[in-house]
Structures are given as structure tokens and as C-alpha cells.
Amino acid sequence: EKRRKEWLDLQQQRKALETLLERKAAKEALR
């Protein structure tokens, strides 16, 4: 269970960062 939570936390962090990068890329493309 601890390993599952660690994996989920890392997955959530990665997805949040990828979303941020996608938003930045979209903003740059619009600019």
C-alpha cells in the first residue's frame, strides 16, 4: 500500500507538470 501511494503521488506530480508544460507550449504557440 505504501508503494502504491508513492507511485500514485509520483504519477500525480508528473501529470501536473506535464499539464503545466502543455499549457506553456500552447501559450507560446499562441504568442
Full PDB file with SEQRES, HELIX, SHEET, SSBOND, CRYST1, ORIGX, SCALE, CONECT and MASTER records, all heavy atoms in Angstrom:
SEQRES   1 A   31  GLU LYS ARG ARG LYS GLU TRP LEU ASP LEU GLN GLN GLN          
SEQRES   2 A   31  ARG LYS ALA LEU GLU THR LEU LEU GLU ARG LYS ALA ALA          
SEQRES   3 A   31  LYS GLU ALA LEU ARG                                          
HELIX    1 AA1 LYS A    2  LEU A   30  1                                  29    
CRYST1    1.000    1.000    1.000  90.00  90.00  90.00 P 1           1          
ORIGX1      1.000000  0.000000  0.000000        0.00000                         
ORIGX2      0.000000  1.000000  0.000000        0.00000                         
ORIGX3      0.000000  0.000000  1.000000        0.00000                         
SCALE1      1.000000  0.000000  0.000000        0.00000                         
SCALE2      0.000000  1.000000  0.000000        0.00000                         
SCALE3      0.000000  0.000000  1.000000        0.00000                         
ATOM      1  N   GLU A   1       0.829  -1.207   0.000  1.00  0.00           N  
ATOM      2  CA  GLU A   1       0.000   0.000   0.000  1.00  0.00           C  
ATOM      3  C   GLU A   1       0.864   1.258   0.000  1.00  0.00           C  
ATOM      4  O   GLU A   1       0.557   2.235  -0.700  1.00  0.00           O  
ATOM      5  CB  GLU A   1      -0.955  -0.006   1.202  1.00  0.00           C  
ATOM      6  CG  GLU A   1      -1.890   1.183   1.262  1.00  0.00           C  
ATOM      7  CD  GLU A   1      -2.799   1.327   0.054  1.00  0.00           C  
ATOM      8  OE1 GLU A   1      -3.036   0.348  -0.675  1.00  0.00           O  
ATOM      9  OE2 GLU A   1      -3.284   2.465  -0.175  1.00  0.00           O  
ATOM     10  N   LYS A   2       1.942   1.230   0.761  1.00  0.00           N  
ATOM     11  CA  LYS A   2       2.860   2.383   0.793  1.00  0.00           C  
ATOM     12  C   LYS A   2       3.466   2.605  -0.590  1.00  0.00           C  
ATOM     13  O   LYS A   2       3.540   3.739  -1.068  1.00  0.00           O  
ATOM     14  CB  LYS A   2       3.960   2.132   1.830  1.00  0.00           C  
ATOM     15  CG  LYS A   2       4.953   3.254   1.941  1.00  0.00           C  
ATOM     16  CD  LYS A   2       6.019   2.952   2.975  1.00  0.00           C  
ATOM     17  CE  LYS A   2       7.058   4.059   3.014  1.00  0.00           C  
ATOM     18  NZ  LYS A   2       8.178   3.728   3.881  1.00  0.00           N  
ATOM     19  N   ARG A   3       3.897   1.535  -1.228  1.00  0.00           N  
ATOM     20  CA  ARG A   3       4.480   1.636  -2.575  1.00  0.00           C  
ATOM     21  C   ARG A   3       3.443   2.141  -3.582  1.00  0.00           C  
ATOM     22  O   ARG A   3       3.754   2.904  -4.482  1.00  0.00           O  
ATOM     23  CB  ARG A   3       5.027   0.289  -3.041  1.00  0.00           C  
ATOM     24  CG  ARG A   3       6.121  -0.281  -2.181  1.00  0.00           C  
ATOM     25  CD  ARG A   3       7.376   0.567  -2.207  1.00  0.00           C  
ATOM     26  NE  ARG A   3       8.405  -0.016  -1.376  1.00  0.00           N  
ATOM     27  CZ  ARG A   3       8.921   0.562  -0.303  1.00  0.00           C  
ATOM     28  NH1 ARG A   3       8.497   1.757   0.071  1.00  0.00           N  
ATOM     29  NH2 ARG A   3       9.871  -0.023   0.393  1.00  0.00           N  
ATOM     30  N   ARG A   4       2.198   1.690  -3.423  1.00  0.00           N  
ATOM     31  CA  ARG A   4       1.133   2.141  -4.314  1.00  0.00           C  
ATOM     32  C   ARG A   4       0.912   3.640  -4.164  1.00  0.00           C  
ATOM     33  O   ARG A   4       0.784   4.370  -5.146  1.00  0.00           O  
ATOM     34  CB  ARG A   4      -0.168   1.384  -4.019  1.00  0.00           C  
ATOM     35  CG  ARG A   4      -1.286   1.665  -5.014  1.00  0.00           C  
ATOM     36  CD  ARG A   4      -2.582   0.985  -4.601  1.00  0.00           C  
ATOM     37  NE  ARG A   4      -3.195   1.623  -3.451  1.00  0.00           N  
ATOM     38  CZ  ARG A   4      -3.918   2.744  -3.511  1.00  0.00           C  
ATOM     39  NH1 ARG A   4      -4.124   3.350  -4.652  1.00  0.00           N  
ATOM     40  NH2 ARG A   4      -4.441   3.264  -2.419  1.00  0.00           N  
ATOM     41  N   LYS A   5       0.910   4.130  -2.920  1.00  0.00           N  
ATOM     42  CA  LYS A   5       0.720   5.560  -2.679  1.00  0.00           C  
ATOM     43  C   LYS A   5       1.892   6.367  -3.236  1.00  0.00           C  
ATOM     44  O   LYS A   5       1.697   7.444  -3.815  1.00  0.00           O  
ATOM     45  CB  LYS A   5       0.547   5.833  -1.188  1.00  0.00           C  
ATOM     46  CG  LYS A   5      -0.804   5.412  -0.670  1.00  0.00           C  
ATOM     47  CD  LYS A   5      -0.956   5.690   0.811  1.00  0.00           C  
ATOM     48  CE  LYS A   5      -2.322   5.228   1.313  1.00  0.00           C  
ATOM     49  NZ  LYS A   5      -2.478   5.414   2.745  1.00  0.00           N  
ATOM     50  N   GLU A   6       3.106   5.851  -3.069  1.00  0.00           N  
ATOM     51  CA  GLU A   6       4.280   6.541  -3.608  1.00  0.00           C  
ATOM     52  C   GLU A   6       4.183   6.647  -5.122  1.00  0.00           C  
ATOM     53  O   GLU A   6       4.452   7.700  -5.706  1.00  0.00           O  
ATOM     54  CB  GLU A   6       5.565   5.801  -3.211  1.00  0.00           C  
ATOM     55  CG  GLU A   6       5.903   5.900  -1.745  1.00  0.00           C  
ATOM     56  CD  GLU A   6       7.024   4.961  -1.320  1.00  0.00           C  
ATOM     57  OE1 GLU A   6       7.467   4.113  -2.139  1.00  0.00           O  
ATOM     58  OE2 GLU A   6       7.465   5.059  -0.160  1.00  0.00           O  
ATOM     59  N   TRP A   7       3.778   5.543  -5.760  1.00  0.00           N  
ATOM     60  CA  TRP A   7       3.645   5.533  -7.214  1.00  0.00           C  
ATOM     61  C   TRP A   7       2.557   6.518  -7.650  1.00  0.00           C  
ATOM     62  O   TRP A   7       2.756   7.289  -8.601  1.00  0.00           O  
ATOM     63  CB  TRP A   7       3.328   4.116  -7.692  1.00  0.00           C  
ATOM     64  CG  TRP A   7       2.989   4.043  -9.145  1.00  0.00           C  
ATOM     65  CD1 TRP A   7       3.840   4.200 -10.200  1.00  0.00           C  
ATOM     66  CD2 TRP A   7       1.697   3.814  -9.700  1.00  0.00           C  
ATOM     67  NE1 TRP A   7       3.148   4.075 -11.378  1.00  0.00           N  
ATOM     68  CE2 TRP A   7       1.832   3.831 -11.101  1.00  0.00           C  
ATOM     69  CE3 TRP A   7       0.449   3.575  -9.145  1.00  0.00           C  
ATOM     70  CZ2 TRP A   7       0.756   3.635 -11.951  1.00  0.00           C  
ATOM     71  CZ3 TRP A   7      -0.625   3.376  -9.989  1.00  0.00           C  
ATOM     72  CH2 TRP A   7      -0.455   3.409 -11.379  1.00  0.00           C  
ATOM     73  N   LEU A   8       1.425   6.518  -6.959  1.00  0.00           N  
ATOM     74  CA  LEU A   8       0.342   7.442  -7.306  1.00  0.00           C  
ATOM     75  C   LEU A   8       0.760   8.898  -7.125  1.00  0.00           C  
ATOM     76  O   LEU A   8       0.410   9.759  -7.943  1.00  0.00           O  
ATOM     77  CB  LEU A   8      -0.910   7.141  -6.466  1.00  0.00           C  
ATOM     78  CG  LEU A   8      -1.689   5.891  -6.841  1.00  0.00           C  
ATOM     79  CD1 LEU A   8      -2.806   5.636  -5.827  1.00  0.00           C  
ATOM     80  CD2 LEU A   8      -2.247   5.983  -8.247  1.00  0.00           C  
ATOM     81  N   ASP A   9       1.516   9.183  -6.059  1.00  0.00           N  
ATOM     82  CA  ASP A   9       1.989  10.553  -5.833  1.00  0.00           C  
ATOM     83  C   ASP A   9       2.904  11.005  -6.965  1.00  0.00           C  
ATOM     84  O   ASP A   9       2.770  12.128  -7.475  1.00  0.00           O  
ATOM     85  CB  ASP A   9       2.726  10.658  -4.495  1.00  0.00           C  
ATOM     86  CG  ASP A   9       1.801  10.601  -3.303  1.00  0.00           C  
ATOM     87  OD1 ASP A   9       0.574  10.748  -3.483  1.00  0.00           O  
ATOM     88  OD2 ASP A   9       2.307  10.397  -2.169  1.00  0.00           O  
ATOM     89  N   LEU A  10       3.839  10.131  -7.360  1.00  0.00           N  
ATOM     90  CA  LEU A  10       4.743  10.486  -8.456  1.00  0.00           C  
ATOM     91  C   LEU A  10       3.975  10.648  -9.766  1.00  0.00           C  
ATOM     92  O   LEU A  10       4.260  11.569 -10.544  1.00  0.00           O  
ATOM     93  CB  LEU A  10       5.831   9.420  -8.610  1.00  0.00           C  
ATOM     94  CG  LEU A  10       6.908   9.445  -7.539  1.00  0.00           C  
ATOM     95  CD1 LEU A  10       7.766   8.191  -7.608  1.00  0.00           C  
ATOM     96  CD2 LEU A  10       7.767  10.696  -7.677  1.00  0.00           C  
ATOM     97  N   GLN A  11       3.002   9.787  -9.980  1.00  0.00           N  
ATOM     98  CA  GLN A  11       2.194   9.885 -11.189  1.00  0.00           C  
ATOM     99  C   GLN A  11       1.439  11.215 -11.216  1.00  0.00           C  
ATOM    100  O   GLN A  11       1.376  11.890 -12.242  1.00  0.00           O  
ATOM    101  CB  GLN A  11       1.222   8.708 -11.243  1.00  0.00           C  
ATOM    102  CG  GLN A  11       0.420   8.642 -12.520  1.00  0.00           C  
ATOM    103  CD  GLN A  11      -0.532   7.464 -12.508  1.00  0.00           C  
ATOM    104  OE1 GLN A  11      -1.302   7.294 -11.563  1.00  0.00           O  
ATOM    105  NE2 GLN A  11      -0.495   6.667 -13.552  1.00  0.00           N  
ATOM    106  N   GLN A  12       0.879  11.596 -10.071  1.00  0.00           N  
ATOM    107  CA  GLN A  12       0.137  12.852  -9.989  1.00  0.00           C  
ATOM    108  C   GLN A  12       1.068  14.044 -10.229  1.00  0.00           C  
ATOM    109  O   GLN A  12       0.715  14.983 -10.956  1.00  0.00           O  
ATOM    110  CB  GLN A  12      -0.526  12.967  -8.623  1.00  0.00           C  
ATOM    111  CG  GLN A  12      -1.410  14.171  -8.465  1.00  0.00           C  
ATOM    112  CD  GLN A  12      -2.061  14.231  -7.088  1.00  0.00           C  
ATOM    113  OE1 GLN A  12      -1.667  13.533  -6.159  1.00  0.00           O  
ATOM    114  NE2 GLN A  12      -3.057  15.071  -6.963  1.00  0.00           N  
ATOM    115  N   GLN A  13       2.254  14.018  -9.646  1.00  0.00           N  
ATOM    116  CA  GLN A  13       3.218  15.107  -9.852  1.00  0.00           C  
ATOM    117  C   GLN A  13       3.606  15.210 -11.324  1.00  0.00           C  
ATOM    118  O   GLN A  13       3.669  16.307 -11.882  1.00  0.00           O  
ATOM    119  CB  GLN A  13       4.469  14.871  -9.005  1.00  0.00           C  
ATOM    120  CG  GLN A  13       4.275  15.037  -7.529  1.00  0.00           C  
ATOM    121  CD  GLN A  13       5.522  14.663  -6.743  1.00  0.00           C  
ATOM    122  OE1 GLN A  13       6.626  14.650  -7.271  1.00  0.00           O  
ATOM    123  NE2 GLN A  13       5.339  14.344  -5.467  1.00  0.00           N  
ATOM    124  N   ARG A  14       3.885  14.046 -11.952  1.00  0.00           N  
ATOM    125  CA  ARG A  14       4.283  14.047 -13.358  1.00  0.00           C  
ATOM    126  C   ARG A  14       3.163  14.598 -14.238  1.00  0.00           C  
ATOM    127  O   ARG A  14       3.399  15.430 -15.108  1.00  0.00           O  
ATOM    128  CB  ARG A  14       4.655  12.632 -13.813  1.00  0.00           C  
ATOM    129  CG  ARG A  14       5.040  12.579 -15.304  1.00  0.00           C  
ATOM    130  CD  ARG A  14       5.106  11.168 -15.827  1.00  0.00           C  
ATOM    131  NE  ARG A  14       3.959  10.354 -15.555  1.00  0.00           N  
ATOM    132  CZ  ARG A  14       2.826  10.341 -16.277  1.00  0.00           C  
ATOM    133  NH1 ARG A  14       2.691  11.160 -17.301  1.00  0.00           N  
ATOM    134  NH2 ARG A  14       1.837   9.527 -15.969  1.00  0.00           N  
ATOM    135  N   LYS A  15       1.943  14.173 -13.983  1.00  0.00           N  
ATOM    136  CA  LYS A  15       0.817  14.644 -14.794  1.00  0.00           C  
ATOM    137  C   LYS A  15       0.602  16.139 -14.626  1.00  0.00           C  
ATOM    138  O   LYS A  15       0.312  16.846 -15.601  1.00  0.00           O  
ATOM    139  CB  LYS A  15      -0.454  13.874 -14.441  1.00  0.00           C  
ATOM    140  CG  LYS A  15      -0.468  12.465 -14.983  1.00  0.00           C  
ATOM    141  CD  LYS A  15      -1.750  11.746 -14.617  1.00  0.00           C  
ATOM    142  CE  LYS A  15      -1.787  10.337 -15.182  1.00  0.00           C  
ATOM    143  NZ  LYS A  15      -3.046   9.650 -14.860  1.00  0.00           N  
ATOM    144  N   ALA A  16       0.737  16.627 -13.396  1.00  0.00           N  
ATOM    145  CA  ALA A  16       0.577  18.063 -13.148  1.00  0.00           C  
ATOM    146  C   ALA A  16       1.651  18.858 -13.891  1.00  0.00           C  
ATOM    147  O   ALA A  16       1.352  19.895 -14.507  1.00  0.00           O  
ATOM    148  CB  ALA A  16       0.642  18.351 -11.654  1.00  0.00           C  
ATOM    149  N   LEU A  17       2.876  18.364 -13.852  1.00  0.00           N  
ATOM    150  CA  LEU A  17       3.967  19.053 -14.535  1.00  0.00           C  
ATOM    151  C   LEU A  17       3.776  18.994 -16.048  1.00  0.00           C  
ATOM    152  O   LEU A  17       4.009  19.992 -16.745  1.00  0.00           O  
ATOM    153  CB  LEU A  17       5.314  18.442 -14.131  1.00  0.00           C  
ATOM    154  CG  LEU A  17       6.545  19.196 -14.595  1.00  0.00           C  
ATOM    155  CD1 LEU A  17       6.537  20.634 -14.088  1.00  0.00           C  
ATOM    156  CD2 LEU A  17       7.799  18.494 -14.124  1.00  0.00           C  
ATOM    157  N   GLU A  18       3.336  17.848 -16.557  1.00  0.00           N  
ATOM    158  CA  GLU A  18       3.089  17.746 -17.992  1.00  0.00           C  
ATOM    159  C   GLU A  18       1.958  18.683 -18.420  1.00  0.00           C  
ATOM    160  O   GLU A  18       2.025  19.283 -19.488  1.00  0.00           O  
ATOM    161  CB  GLU A  18       2.770  16.300 -18.377  1.00  0.00           C  
ATOM    162  CG  GLU A  18       3.997  15.416 -18.374  1.00  0.00           C  
ATOM    163  CD  GLU A  18       3.695  13.963 -18.682  1.00  0.00           C  
ATOM    164  OE1 GLU A  18       2.499  13.581 -18.760  1.00  0.00           O  
ATOM    165  OE2 GLU A  18       4.659  13.195 -18.822  1.00  0.00           O  
ATOM    166  N   THR A  19       0.944  18.823 -17.589  1.00  0.00           N  
ATOM    167  CA  THR A  19      -0.144  19.754 -17.895  1.00  0.00           C  
ATOM    168  C   THR A  19       0.393  21.182 -17.939  1.00  0.00           C  
ATOM    169  O   THR A  19       0.047  21.963 -18.840  1.00  0.00           O  
ATOM    170  CB  THR A  19      -1.266  19.631 -16.843  1.00  0.00           C  
ATOM    171  OG1 THR A  19      -1.769  18.297 -16.867  1.00  0.00           O  
ATOM    172  CG2 THR A  19      -2.390  20.610 -17.106  1.00  0.00           C  
ATOM    173  N   LEU A  20       1.240  21.513 -16.979  1.00  0.00           N  
ATOM    174  CA  LEU A  20       1.853  22.846 -16.966  1.00  0.00           C  
ATOM    175  C   LEU A  20       2.675  23.070 -18.233  1.00  0.00           C  
ATOM    176  O   LEU A  20       2.576  24.128 -18.866  1.00  0.00           O  
ATOM    177  CB  LEU A  20       2.732  23.009 -15.719  1.00  0.00           C  
ATOM    178  CG  LEU A  20       3.521  24.303 -15.613  1.00  0.00           C  
ATOM    179  CD1 LEU A  20       2.571  25.491 -15.469  1.00  0.00           C  
ATOM    180  CD2 LEU A  20       4.482  24.249 -14.436  1.00  0.00           C  
ATOM    181  N   LEU A  21       3.474  22.077 -18.618  1.00  0.00           N  
ATOM    182  CA  LEU A  21       4.285  22.206 -19.833  1.00  0.00           C  
ATOM    183  C   LEU A  21       3.405  22.339 -21.078  1.00  0.00           C  
ATOM    184  O   LEU A  21       3.720  23.121 -21.980  1.00  0.00           O  
ATOM    185  CB  LEU A  21       5.226  21.006 -19.971  1.00  0.00           C  
ATOM    186  CG  LEU A  21       6.412  20.982 -19.018  1.00  0.00           C  
ATOM    187  CD1 LEU A  21       7.125  19.634 -19.081  1.00  0.00           C  
ATOM    188  CD2 LEU A  21       7.381  22.113 -19.346  1.00  0.00           C  
ATOM    189  N   GLU A  22       2.310  21.586 -21.125  1.00  0.00           N  
ATOM    190  CA  GLU A  22       1.390  21.691 -22.262  1.00  0.00           C  
ATOM    191  C   GLU A  22       0.767  23.078 -22.333  1.00  0.00           C  
ATOM    192  O   GLU A  22       0.630  23.654 -23.414  1.00  0.00           O  
ATOM    193  CB  GLU A  22       0.300  20.626 -22.163  1.00  0.00           C  
ATOM    194  CG  GLU A  22       0.797  19.222 -22.442  1.00  0.00           C  
ATOM    195  CD  GLU A  22      -0.223  18.153 -22.101  1.00  0.00           C  
ATOM    196  OE1 GLU A  22      -1.367  18.493 -21.698  1.00  0.00           O  
ATOM    197  OE2 GLU A  22       0.121  16.964 -22.215  1.00  0.00           O  
ATOM    198  N   ARG A  23       0.403  23.615 -21.178  1.00  0.00           N  
ATOM    199  CA  ARG A  23      -0.179  24.967 -21.155  1.00  0.00           C  
ATOM    200  C   ARG A  23       0.841  26.001 -21.608  1.00  0.00           C  
ATOM    201  O   ARG A  23       0.515  26.928 -22.358  1.00  0.00           O  
ATOM    202  CB  ARG A  23      -0.691  25.304 -19.763  1.00  0.00           C  
ATOM    203  CG  ARG A  23      -1.966  24.586 -19.411  1.00  0.00           C  
ATOM    204  CD  ARG A  23      -2.442  24.949 -18.033  1.00  0.00           C  
ATOM    205  NE  ARG A  23      -3.634  24.172 -17.658  1.00  0.00           N  
ATOM    206  CZ  ARG A  23      -4.092  24.062 -16.447  1.00  0.00           C  
ATOM    207  NH1 ARG A  23      -3.488  24.688 -15.442  1.00  0.00           N  
ATOM    208  NH2 ARG A  23      -5.161  23.339 -16.187  1.00  0.00           N  
ATOM    209  N   LYS A  24       2.076  25.840 -21.126  1.00  0.00           N  
ATOM    210  CA  LYS A  24       3.126  26.775 -21.543  1.00  0.00           C  
ATOM    211  C   LYS A  24       3.364  26.678 -23.043  1.00  0.00           C  
ATOM    212  O   LYS A  24       3.551  27.692 -23.714  1.00  0.00           O  
ATOM    213  CB  LYS A  24       4.422  26.506 -20.776  1.00  0.00           C  
ATOM    214  CG  LYS A  24       4.393  26.950 -19.319  1.00  0.00           C  
ATOM    215  CD  LYS A  24       5.695  26.637 -18.613  1.00  0.00           C  
ATOM    216  CE  LYS A  24       6.818  27.534 -18.989  1.00  0.00           C  
ATOM    217  NZ  LYS A  24       6.794  28.890 -18.499  1.00  0.00           N  
ATOM    218  N   ALA A  25       3.369  25.456 -23.581  1.00  0.00           N  
ATOM    219  CA  ALA A  25       3.584  25.265 -25.014  1.00  0.00           C  
ATOM    220  C   ALA A  25       2.432  25.873 -25.807  1.00  0.00           C  
ATOM    221  O   ALA A  25       2.650  26.509 -26.845  1.00  0.00           O  
ATOM    222  CB  ALA A  25       3.727  23.778 -25.323  1.00  0.00           C  
ATOM    223  N   ALA A  26       1.211  25.694 -25.339  1.00  0.00           N  
ATOM    224  CA  ALA A  26       0.047  26.269 -26.028  1.00  0.00           C  
ATOM    225  C   ALA A  26       0.111  27.794 -25.998  1.00  0.00           C  
ATOM    226  O   ALA A  26      -0.191  28.462 -26.996  1.00  0.00           O  
ATOM    227  CB  ALA A  26      -1.243  25.770 -25.386  1.00  0.00           C  
ATOM    228  N   LYS A  27       0.500  28.328 -24.851  1.00  0.00           N  
ATOM    229  CA  LYS A  27       0.623  29.782 -24.709  1.00  0.00           C  
ATOM    230  C   LYS A  27       1.696  30.319 -25.657  1.00  0.00           C  
ATOM    231  O   LYS A  27       1.512  31.355 -26.318  1.00  0.00           O  
ATOM    232  CB  LYS A  27       0.987  30.112 -23.261  1.00  0.00           C  
ATOM    233  CG  LYS A  27       0.625  31.488 -22.801  1.00  0.00           C  
ATOM    234  CD  LYS A  27       1.001  31.642 -21.340  1.00  0.00           C  
ATOM    235  CE  LYS A  27      -0.052  32.380 -20.580  1.00  0.00           C  
ATOM    236  NZ  LYS A  27       0.308  32.612 -19.176  1.00  0.00           N  
ATOM    237  N   GLU A  28       2.818  29.600 -25.739  1.00  0.00           N  
ATOM    238  CA  GLU A  28       3.905  30.015 -26.625  1.00  0.00           C  
ATOM    239  C   GLU A  28       3.471  29.912 -28.087  1.00  0.00           C  
ATOM    240  O   GLU A  28       3.778  30.798 -28.894  1.00  0.00           O  
ATOM    241  CB  GLU A  28       5.156  29.160 -26.375  1.00  0.00           C  
ATOM    242  CG  GLU A  28       6.343  29.506 -27.234  1.00  0.00           C  
ATOM    243  CD  GLU A  28       6.906  30.905 -27.022  1.00  0.00           C  
ATOM    244  OE1 GLU A  28       6.561  31.566 -26.024  1.00  0.00           O  
ATOM    245  OE2 GLU A  28       7.707  31.341 -27.868  1.00  0.00           O  
ATOM    246  N   ALA A  29       2.744  28.859 -28.431  1.00  0.00           N  
ATOM    247  CA  ALA A  29       2.261  28.704 -29.803  1.00  0.00           C  
ATOM    248  C   ALA A  29       1.301  29.839 -30.160  1.00  0.00           C  
ATOM    249  O   ALA A  29       1.352  30.382 -31.274  1.00  0.00           O  
ATOM    250  CB  ALA A  29       1.575  27.348 -29.967  1.00  0.00           C  
ATOM    251  N   LEU A  30       0.441  30.207 -29.216  1.00  0.00           N  
ATOM    252  CA  LEU A  30      -0.482  31.319 -29.448  1.00  0.00           C  
ATOM    253  C   LEU A  30       0.290  32.628 -29.622  1.00  0.00           C  
ATOM    254  O   LEU A  30      -0.021  33.416 -30.515  1.00  0.00           O  
ATOM    255  CB  LEU A  30      -1.476  31.426 -28.284  1.00  0.00           C  
ATOM    256  CG  LEU A  30      -2.539  32.503 -28.399  1.00  0.00           C  
ATOM    257  CD1 LEU A  30      -3.421  32.266 -29.623  1.00  0.00           C  
ATOM    258  CD2 LEU A  30      -3.378  32.549 -27.136  1.00  0.00           C  
ATOM    259  N   ARG A  31       1.307  32.837 -28.799  1.00  0.00           N  
ATOM    260  CA  ARG A  31       2.125  34.045 -28.903  1.00  0.00           C  
ATOM    261  C   ARG A  31       2.816  34.110 -30.263  1.00  0.00           C  
ATOM    262  O   ARG A  31       2.824  35.155 -30.930  1.00  0.00           O  
ATOM    263  CB  ARG A  31       3.165  34.088 -27.780  1.00  0.00           C  
ATOM    264  CG  ARG A  31       3.973  35.398 -27.735  1.00  0.00           C  
ATOM    265  CD  ARG A  31       5.135  35.320 -26.772  1.00  0.00           C  
ATOM    266  NE  ARG A  31       6.180  34.404 -27.185  1.00  0.00           N  
ATOM    267  CZ  ARG A  31       7.100  34.663 -28.123  1.00  0.00           C  
ATOM    268  NH1 ARG A  31       7.088  35.814 -28.765  1.00  0.00           N  
ATOM    269  NH2 ARG A  31       8.018  33.768 -28.423  1.00  0.00           N  
TER     270      ARG A  31                                                      
MASTER        0    0    0    1    0    0    0    6  269    1    0    3          
END                                                                             
